[in-house]
Amino acid sequence: MKLSSKSRYGTRLMLDLAKHYGGEFIQLKEIAGRQGISLKYLEQIMISLKKAKYVKGVRGAKGGYKLSKAPGKITVGEIVAVLESGSPMTECSENPEVCERSESCPTRVLWKEAADALFERLNTVTLADLLKGFDIGQG
């Protein structure tokens, strides 16, 4: 499975906010500069993260964004699920009605199990865990 750039960049965005947790609001343009990601793309990603209540924002000169929860309370799996819209590896693994073969398909169960295993692992890693071992500026 290949994660979309939305999930990869969104995780970097959240890690950057985690690094500054407890401090001032951070402007998205600062994160874009540090992470080498387009500001416009981060704005799109931020919409989903705010809607899911992982991030809070304030407008104005001193405005910006902060995590809504401590870095130890947000898992990578949660971020990916929000940014991938909870999408499974294959659409038929979650919505059998999209495929006429779903009832007799031997691979459908495999794809569901693989997606479940991926999210099971991602849900064990928090932003705080990643901050302990990674320099997010190099991500």
Protein backbone atom coordinates (compact mmCIF):
# COMPACT_ATOMS: atom_id res chain seq x y z
CA MET A 1 0.00 0.00 0.00
CA LYS A 2 1.24 3.43 -0.86
CA LEU A 3 0.11 6.23 1.42
CA SER A 4 -0.91 9.42 -0.33
CA SER A 5 1.16 12.56 -0.02
CA LYS A 6 -1.76 13.97 1.95
CA SER A 7 -1.15 11.44 4.73
CA ARG A 8 2.63 11.77 4.63
CA TYR A 9 2.60 15.57 4.61
CA GLY A 10 -0.25 15.70 7.12
CA THR A 11 1.77 13.58 9.53
CA ARG A 12 4.75 15.92 9.09
CA LEU A 13 2.47 18.89 9.70
CA MET A 14 1.14 17.30 12.90
CA LEU A 15 4.67 16.43 14.04
CA ASP A 16 5.73 20.03 13.54
CA LEU A 17 2.79 21.20 15.67
CA ALA A 18 3.63 18.51 18.25
CA LYS A 19 7.17 19.82 18.50
CA HIS A 20 5.73 23.22 19.48
CA TYR A 21 2.99 21.84 21.73
CA GLY A 22 2.22 24.07 24.68
CA GLY A 23 3.64 27.16 23.03
CA GLU A 24 2.24 29.89 20.83
CA PHE A 25 0.01 29.34 17.84
CA ILE A 26 2.12 28.46 14.78
CA GLN A 27 1.44 30.00 11.40
CA LEU A 28 1.02 27.54 8.57
CA LYS A 29 3.51 29.43 6.40
CA GLU A 30 6.20 28.73 9.03
CA ILE A 31 5.45 25.02 8.91
CA ALA A 32 5.41 25.09 5.11
CA GLY A 33 8.86 26.66 5.12
CA ARG A 34 10.32 24.25 7.66
CA GLN A 35 8.84 21.19 6.00
CA GLY A 36 9.33 22.23 2.37
CA ILE A 37 5.65 21.68 1.58
CA SER A 38 3.38 23.98 -0.42
CA LEU A 39 1.36 26.35 1.77
CA LYS A 40 -1.72 25.77 -0.41
CA TYR A 41 -1.44 22.01 0.06
CA LEU A 42 -1.05 22.37 3.85
CA GLU A 43 -4.13 24.60 3.89
CA GLN A 44 -6.13 21.80 2.23
CA ILE A 45 -4.81 19.23 4.70
CA MET A 46 -5.55 21.53 7.64
CA ILE A 47 -9.24 21.67 6.73
CA SER A 48 -9.61 17.94 7.40
CA LEU A 49 -7.53 18.04 10.60
CA LYS A 50 -9.54 20.96 12.00
CA LYS A 51 -12.83 19.33 11.09
CA ALA A 52 -11.73 16.18 12.94
CA LYS A 53 -10.80 18.39 15.94
CA TYR A 54 -7.12 17.40 16.06
CA VAL A 55 -6.09 21.01 15.49
CA LYS A 56 -7.47 24.35 16.58
CA GLY A 57 -6.86 27.61 14.79
CA VAL A 58 -7.00 31.33 15.50
CA ARG A 59 -7.12 34.06 12.89
CA GLY A 60 -5.22 37.31 13.00
CA ALA A 61 -1.69 38.61 13.34
CA LYS A 62 -0.91 36.35 16.29
CA GLY A 63 -3.01 33.57 14.88
CA GLY A 64 -2.07 30.15 13.67
CA TYR A 65 -2.60 26.56 14.71
CA LYS A 66 -2.05 24.29 17.70
CA LEU A 67 -2.78 20.68 18.48
CA SER A 68 -6.08 20.21 20.29
CA LYS A 69 -4.66 17.30 22.30
CA ALA A 70 -1.29 16.37 23.71
CA PRO A 71 1.08 14.66 21.21
CA GLY A 72 0.89 11.47 23.26
CA LYS A 73 -2.88 11.33 22.67
CA ILE A 74 -2.78 11.45 18.85
CA THR A 75 -1.76 8.38 16.86
CA VAL A 76 -0.43 8.24 13.34
CA GLY A 77 -3.29 5.87 12.53
CA GLU A 78 -5.82 8.53 13.50
CA ILE A 79 -4.13 11.09 11.27
CA VAL A 80 -3.97 8.72 8.31
CA ALA A 81 -7.59 7.65 8.79
CA VAL A 82 -8.73 11.29 8.72
CA LEU A 83 -6.63 12.23 5.70
CA GLU A 84 -7.38 9.10 3.71
CA SER A 85 -11.05 9.41 4.69
CA GLY A 86 -10.72 6.06 6.42
CA SER A 87 -10.20 4.47 3.03
CA PRO A 88 -9.35 0.81 3.00
CA MET A 89 -6.82 -0.77 0.64
CA THR A 90 -9.64 -1.72 -1.70
CA GLU A 91 -13.12 -0.30 -1.81
CA CYS A 92 -14.71 -3.75 -1.89
CA SER A 93 -13.18 -4.76 1.43
CA GLU A 94 -15.41 -2.23 3.20
CA ASN A 95 -18.25 -1.95 0.68
CA PRO A 96 -18.93 -5.39 -0.79
CA GLU A 97 -21.83 -4.07 -2.87
CA VAL A 98 -19.40 -2.27 -5.21
CA CYS A 99 -18.20 -5.57 -6.65
CA GLU A 100 -20.34 -8.37 -8.01
CA ARG A 101 -17.65 -10.89 -6.97
CA SER A 102 -17.34 -9.82 -3.34
CA GLU A 103 -19.24 -12.81 -1.96
CA SER A 104 -16.95 -15.32 -3.64
CA CYS A 105 -13.69 -13.35 -3.88
CA PRO A 106 -10.86 -15.01 -1.96
CA THR A 107 -8.69 -11.85 -1.96
CA ARG A 108 -11.30 -9.50 -0.48
CA VAL A 109 -10.70 -10.87 3.01
CA LEU A 110 -6.93 -10.63 2.54
CA TRP A 111 -7.12 -6.92 1.62
CA LYS A 112 -9.31 -6.21 4.64
CA GLU A 113 -6.91 -8.07 6.96
CA ALA A 114 -3.90 -6.24 5.49
CA ALA A 115 -5.55 -2.83 5.99
CA ASP A 116 -6.56 -3.79 9.53
CA ALA A 117 -2.97 -4.85 10.31
CA LEU A 118 -1.58 -1.59 8.92
CA PHE A 119 -3.92 0.54 11.04
CA GLU A 120 -3.37 -1.66 14.07
CA ARG A 121 0.34 -0.82 13.86
CA LEU A 122 -0.15 2.87 13.04
CA ASN A 123 -2.52 3.20 15.98
CA THR A 124 0.25 2.12 18.37
CA VAL A 125 2.50 5.06 17.44
CA THR A 126 1.76 8.53 18.78
CA LEU A 127 3.20 11.84 17.72
CA ALA A 128 5.11 11.88 21.02
CA ASP A 129 6.66 8.51 20.16
CA LEU A 130 7.87 9.83 16.81
CA LEU A 131 9.29 12.98 18.38
CA LYS A 132 11.44 10.88 20.68
CA GLY A 133 13.39 9.36 17.82
CA PHE A 134 13.11 11.58 14.77
CA ASP A 135 14.24 15.05 13.75
CA ILE A 136 11.09 16.30 12.04
CA GLY A 137 12.91 18.99 10.10
CA GLN A 138 14.57 16.23 8.08
CA GLY A 139 11.35 14.21 7.43
